[in-house]
Amino acid sequence: DAEHFLFIAEYGYLYEHNFAFFPIFPLTVRLIANTFLWPLHGLLSLRSSLLVSAVMLNSALHVVSAVILYRLGCIVLQSRRLAYLSALFFCLNPANIFMAAAYS
């Protein structure tokens, strides 16, 4: 899926199978690449800057999800310590590598 999202962010919806992917993630990746990474356009190709921006976006969204998990844990578990530990274990999970991949 990451290859399809990066293709859509770079070229748009050119082929019929591209329409299987929603546009918000590729548009956000393209927006980040064009705004925050514009000083690196001379050093990075467009494809590389899109990949870096996808990793940045998913890493930021992972942090947001950990904060939301902590807040939810505070409500459900009624313990700040257990909520903190659940958010910490969520961040230290071995499958955490997928949170930085260019998936939505």
N, C-alpha and C. Protein backbone atom coordinates (compact mmCIF):
# COMPACT_ATOMS: atom_id res chain seq x y z
N ASP A 1 0.81 -1.20 0.00
CA ASP A 1 0.00 0.00 0.00
C ASP A 1 0.86 1.27 0.00
N ALA A 2 2.00 1.21 0.64
CA ALA A 2 2.86 2.39 0.72
C ALA A 2 3.28 2.86 -0.67
N GLU A 3 3.57 1.91 -1.52
CA GLU A 3 3.96 2.27 -2.88
C GLU A 3 2.81 2.97 -3.61
N HIS A 4 1.61 2.51 -3.40
CA HIS A 4 0.45 3.14 -4.04
C HIS A 4 0.21 4.55 -3.49
N PHE A 5 0.31 4.70 -2.17
CA PHE A 5 0.13 6.03 -1.58
C PHE A 5 1.17 7.02 -2.07
N LEU A 6 2.43 6.58 -2.15
CA LEU A 6 3.48 7.48 -2.65
C LEU A 6 3.29 7.80 -4.13
N PHE A 7 2.83 6.84 -4.90
CA PHE A 7 2.54 7.09 -6.32
C PHE A 7 1.44 8.12 -6.47
N ILE A 8 0.37 7.97 -5.67
CA ILE A 8 -0.73 8.93 -5.73
C ILE A 8 -0.27 10.31 -5.30
N ALA A 9 0.56 10.38 -4.27
CA ALA A 9 1.07 11.67 -3.81
C ALA A 9 1.95 12.33 -4.87
N GLU A 10 2.65 11.52 -5.64
CA GLU A 10 3.56 12.07 -6.65
C GLU A 10 2.86 12.41 -7.96
N TYR A 11 2.00 11.51 -8.44
CA TYR A 11 1.41 11.68 -9.76
C TYR A 11 -0.09 11.92 -9.77
N GLY A 12 -0.75 11.63 -8.66
CA GLY A 12 -2.20 11.74 -8.62
C GLY A 12 -2.84 10.42 -9.01
N TYR A 13 -4.13 10.45 -9.23
CA TYR A 13 -4.90 9.26 -9.58
C TYR A 13 -4.86 9.06 -11.09
N LEU A 14 -3.88 8.29 -11.56
CA LEU A 14 -3.73 8.06 -12.99
C LEU A 14 -4.39 6.78 -13.47
N TYR A 15 -4.35 5.75 -12.63
CA TYR A 15 -4.86 4.45 -13.05
C TYR A 15 -6.08 4.08 -12.23
N GLU A 16 -6.85 3.16 -12.76
CA GLU A 16 -8.10 2.77 -12.12
C GLU A 16 -7.87 2.16 -10.74
N HIS A 17 -6.82 1.37 -10.58
CA HIS A 17 -6.58 0.74 -9.28
C HIS A 17 -6.15 1.75 -8.21
N ASN A 18 -5.77 2.96 -8.59
CA ASN A 18 -5.43 3.99 -7.61
C ASN A 18 -6.65 4.46 -6.83
N PHE A 19 -7.82 4.30 -7.42
CA PHE A 19 -9.03 4.77 -6.76
C PHE A 19 -9.44 3.92 -5.56
N ALA A 20 -8.72 2.84 -5.32
CA ALA A 20 -8.99 2.01 -4.14
C ALA A 20 -8.45 2.67 -2.86
N PHE A 21 -7.66 3.73 -3.00
CA PHE A 21 -7.02 4.38 -1.87
C PHE A 21 -7.60 5.77 -1.67
N PHE A 22 -7.96 6.07 -0.44
CA PHE A 22 -8.55 7.36 -0.13
C PHE A 22 -7.51 8.48 -0.29
N PRO A 23 -7.92 9.69 -0.61
CA PRO A 23 -6.97 10.75 -0.97
C PRO A 23 -6.38 11.54 0.20
N ILE A 24 -6.88 11.40 1.41
CA ILE A 24 -6.41 12.29 2.49
C ILE A 24 -4.95 12.05 2.83
N PHE A 25 -4.55 10.79 2.95
CA PHE A 25 -3.15 10.52 3.30
C PHE A 25 -2.19 10.99 2.21
N PRO A 26 -2.39 10.66 0.93
CA PRO A 26 -1.46 11.16 -0.09
C PRO A 26 -1.44 12.69 -0.19
N LEU A 27 -2.59 13.32 -0.02
CA LEU A 27 -2.62 14.79 -0.07
C LEU A 27 -1.87 15.40 1.10
N THR A 28 -2.01 14.82 2.27
CA THR A 28 -1.29 15.33 3.44
C THR A 28 0.21 15.11 3.30
N VAL A 29 0.60 13.98 2.77
CA VAL A 29 2.02 13.71 2.54
C VAL A 29 2.59 14.72 1.55
N ARG A 30 1.86 14.98 0.48
CA ARG A 30 2.32 15.95 -0.52
C ARG A 30 2.40 17.35 0.08
N LEU A 31 1.41 17.72 0.91
CA LEU A 31 1.42 19.02 1.56
C LEU A 31 2.62 19.19 2.48
N ILE A 32 2.93 18.17 3.25
CA ILE A 32 4.09 18.23 4.14
C ILE A 32 5.38 18.32 3.34
N ALA A 33 5.46 17.55 2.27
CA ALA A 33 6.66 17.58 1.43
C ALA A 33 6.86 18.94 0.78
N ASN A 34 5.78 19.59 0.40
CA ASN A 34 5.90 20.89 -0.27
C ASN A 34 6.07 22.05 0.70
N THR A 35 5.64 21.91 1.95
CA THR A 35 5.73 23.02 2.89
C THR A 35 6.92 22.89 3.82
N PHE A 36 6.98 21.81 4.58
CA PHE A 36 8.02 21.68 5.59
C PHE A 36 9.36 21.23 5.03
N LEU A 37 9.33 20.51 3.94
CA LEU A 37 10.58 19.99 3.37
C LEU A 37 11.04 20.76 2.14
N TRP A 38 10.48 21.94 1.90
CA TRP A 38 10.90 22.68 0.70
C TRP A 38 12.36 23.10 0.74
N PRO A 39 13.00 23.33 1.92
CA PRO A 39 14.43 23.64 1.86
C PRO A 39 15.28 22.47 1.37
N LEU A 40 14.76 21.27 1.42
CA LEU A 40 15.53 20.10 1.01
C LEU A 40 15.26 19.67 -0.43
N HIS A 41 14.48 20.44 -1.17
CA HIS A 41 14.15 20.05 -2.54
C HIS A 41 15.38 19.96 -3.43
N GLY A 42 16.43 20.73 -3.12
CA GLY A 42 17.65 20.61 -3.91
C GLY A 42 18.45 19.37 -3.57
N LEU A 43 18.28 18.84 -2.38
CA LEU A 43 19.02 17.67 -1.94
C LEU A 43 18.27 16.36 -2.18
N LEU A 44 16.96 16.41 -2.07
CA LEU A 44 16.15 15.21 -2.19
C LEU A 44 15.30 15.25 -3.46
N SER A 45 15.09 14.09 -4.03
CA SER A 45 14.14 14.01 -5.14
C SER A 45 12.73 14.13 -4.56
N LEU A 46 11.76 14.32 -5.42
CA LEU A 46 10.38 14.43 -4.96
C LEU A 46 9.95 13.15 -4.27
N ARG A 47 10.33 12.01 -4.82
CA ARG A 47 9.96 10.71 -4.23
C ARG A 47 10.56 10.56 -2.82
N SER A 48 11.80 10.98 -2.65
CA SER A 48 12.45 10.89 -1.34
C SER A 48 11.81 11.83 -0.34
N SER A 49 11.48 13.03 -0.76
CA SER A 49 10.84 13.97 0.17
C SER A 49 9.43 13.50 0.53
N LEU A 50 8.74 12.83 -0.39
CA LEU A 50 7.44 12.26 -0.07
C LEU A 50 7.57 11.12 0.94
N LEU A 51 8.59 10.31 0.79
CA LEU A 51 8.81 9.21 1.73
C LEU A 51 9.16 9.74 3.11
N VAL A 52 10.03 10.74 3.18
CA VAL A 52 10.38 11.34 4.47
C VAL A 52 9.16 11.99 5.12
N SER A 53 8.35 12.67 4.33
CA SER A 53 7.16 13.30 4.89
C SER A 53 6.14 12.26 5.35
N ALA A 54 6.04 11.12 4.66
CA ALA A 54 5.13 10.06 5.10
C ALA A 54 5.58 9.48 6.44
N VAL A 55 6.88 9.29 6.60
CA VAL A 55 7.40 8.79 7.88
C VAL A 55 7.19 9.82 8.98
N MET A 56 7.41 11.09 8.68
CA MET A 56 7.17 12.15 9.67
C MET A 56 5.70 12.19 10.08
N LEU A 57 4.82 12.12 9.11
CA LEU A 57 3.38 12.17 9.40
C LEU A 57 2.94 10.99 10.25
N ASN A 58 3.35 9.80 9.87
CA ASN A 58 2.93 8.63 10.64
C ASN A 58 3.57 8.60 12.02
N SER A 59 4.77 9.10 12.17
CA SER A 59 5.39 9.17 13.50
C SER A 59 4.64 10.17 14.38
N ALA A 60 4.25 11.30 13.83
CA ALA A 60 3.48 12.28 14.59
C ALA A 60 2.11 11.72 14.97
N LEU A 61 1.48 11.01 14.05
CA LEU A 61 0.18 10.40 14.35
C LEU A 61 0.30 9.28 15.37
N HIS A 62 1.44 8.62 15.39
CA HIS A 62 1.66 7.59 16.41
C HIS A 62 1.77 8.22 17.80
N VAL A 63 2.44 9.34 17.90
CA VAL A 63 2.52 10.05 19.18
C VAL A 63 1.14 10.51 19.62
N VAL A 64 0.37 11.03 18.69
CA VAL A 64 -1.00 11.46 19.01
C VAL A 64 -1.83 10.28 19.50
N SER A 65 -1.69 9.13 18.86
CA SER A 65 -2.46 7.96 19.29
C SER A 65 -2.02 7.47 20.66
N ALA A 66 -0.74 7.61 21.00
CA ALA A 66 -0.28 7.24 22.34
C ALA A 66 -0.86 8.17 23.39
N VAL A 67 -0.95 9.45 23.09
CA VAL A 67 -1.55 10.41 24.02
C VAL A 67 -3.04 10.10 24.21
N ILE A 68 -3.73 9.79 23.12
CA ILE A 68 -5.14 9.45 23.21
C ILE A 68 -5.33 8.16 24.01
N LEU A 69 -4.44 7.20 23.81
CA LEU A 69 -4.52 5.96 24.59
C LEU A 69 -4.30 6.25 26.07
N TYR A 70 -3.37 7.13 26.40
CA TYR A 70 -3.13 7.50 27.79
C TYR A 70 -4.38 8.14 28.40
N ARG A 71 -4.97 9.08 27.69
CA ARG A 71 -6.18 9.74 28.20
C ARG A 71 -7.34 8.76 28.36
N LEU A 72 -7.50 7.87 27.40
CA LEU A 72 -8.54 6.85 27.51
C LEU A 72 -8.26 5.91 28.68
N GLY A 73 -6.99 5.56 28.86
CA GLY A 73 -6.61 4.71 29.99
C GLY A 73 -6.89 5.38 31.33
N CYS A 74 -6.69 6.67 31.41
CA CYS A 74 -7.00 7.39 32.64
C CYS A 74 -8.49 7.30 32.97
N ILE A 75 -9.31 7.38 31.95
CA ILE A 75 -10.76 7.32 32.16
C ILE A 75 -11.21 5.90 32.49
N VAL A 76 -10.76 4.94 31.70
CA VAL A 76 -11.26 3.57 31.86
C VAL A 76 -10.62 2.87 33.06
N LEU A 77 -9.31 3.02 33.20
CA LEU A 77 -8.60 2.29 34.26
C LEU A 77 -8.63 3.02 35.60
N GLN A 78 -8.93 4.29 35.57
CA GLN A 78 -8.98 5.11 36.78
C GLN A 78 -7.64 5.12 37.51
N SER A 79 -6.56 5.02 36.75
CA SER A 79 -5.22 5.03 37.31
C SER A 79 -4.27 5.66 36.30
N ARG A 80 -3.63 6.74 36.70
CA ARG A 80 -2.70 7.41 35.80
C ARG A 80 -1.48 6.53 35.54
N ARG A 81 -1.07 5.77 36.55
CA ARG A 81 0.11 4.91 36.41
C ARG A 81 -0.16 3.80 35.39
N LEU A 82 -1.30 3.13 35.49
CA LEU A 82 -1.62 2.07 34.53
C LEU A 82 -1.84 2.64 33.12
N ALA A 83 -2.43 3.82 33.05
CA ALA A 83 -2.61 4.45 31.75
C ALA A 83 -1.26 4.80 31.13
N TYR A 84 -0.34 5.30 31.95
CA TYR A 84 1.00 5.61 31.46
C TYR A 84 1.71 4.34 30.98
N LEU A 85 1.62 3.27 31.76
CA LEU A 85 2.26 2.02 31.37
C LEU A 85 1.66 1.45 30.08
N SER A 86 0.36 1.56 29.92
CA SER A 86 -0.26 1.06 28.70
C SER A 86 0.21 1.87 27.49
N ALA A 87 0.30 3.17 27.63
CA ALA A 87 0.79 4.00 26.52
C ALA A 87 2.27 3.73 26.26
N LEU A 88 3.03 3.51 27.31
CA LEU A 88 4.45 3.21 27.15
C LEU A 88 4.65 1.87 26.43
N PHE A 89 3.91 0.85 26.84
CA PHE A 89 4.02 -0.45 26.18
C PHE A 89 3.52 -0.38 24.73
N PHE A 90 2.55 0.47 24.48
CA PHE A 90 2.09 0.69 23.11
C PHE A 90 3.22 1.26 22.26
N CYS A 91 4.00 2.16 22.83
CA CYS A 91 5.11 2.78 22.08
C CYS A 91 6.31 1.84 21.95
N LEU A 92 6.50 0.92 22.90
CA LEU A 92 7.64 0.01 22.88
C LEU A 92 7.32 -1.34 22.24
N ASN A 93 6.16 -1.47 21.68
CA ASN A 93 5.73 -2.70 21.04
C ASN A 93 6.67 -3.05 19.88
N PRO A 94 7.08 -4.31 19.73
CA PRO A 94 7.96 -4.68 18.61
C PRO A 94 7.33 -4.40 17.24
N ALA A 95 6.02 -4.41 17.15
CA ALA A 95 5.36 -4.11 15.88
C ALA A 95 5.29 -2.62 15.62
N ASN A 96 5.91 -1.84 16.45
CA ASN A 96 5.92 -0.39 16.34
C ASN A 96 6.57 0.09 15.04
N ILE A 97 7.39 -0.73 14.42
CA ILE A 97 8.05 -0.34 13.18
C ILE A 97 7.02 -0.04 12.09
N PHE A 98 5.86 -0.66 12.16
CA PHE A 98 4.82 -0.41 11.17
C PHE A 98 4.17 0.95 11.34
N MET A 99 4.34 1.56 12.51
CA MET A 99 3.76 2.89 12.74
C MET A 99 4.51 3.97 11.97
N ALA A 100 5.73 3.68 11.54
CA ALA A 100 6.49 4.65 10.77
C ALA A 100 6.42 4.38 9.27
N ALA A 101 5.78 3.31 8.88
CA ALA A 101 5.67 2.98 7.46
C ALA A 101 4.68 3.92 6.78
N ALA A 102 4.77 3.99 5.49
CA ALA A 102 3.92 4.92 4.73
C ALA A 102 2.55 4.30 4.46
N TYR A 103 1.87 3.92 5.52
CA TYR A 103 0.52 3.39 5.44
C TYR A 103 -0.42 4.39 6.07
N SER A 104 -1.70 4.25 5.77
CA SER A 104 -2.69 5.10 6.43
C SER A 104 -3.40 4.33 7.51
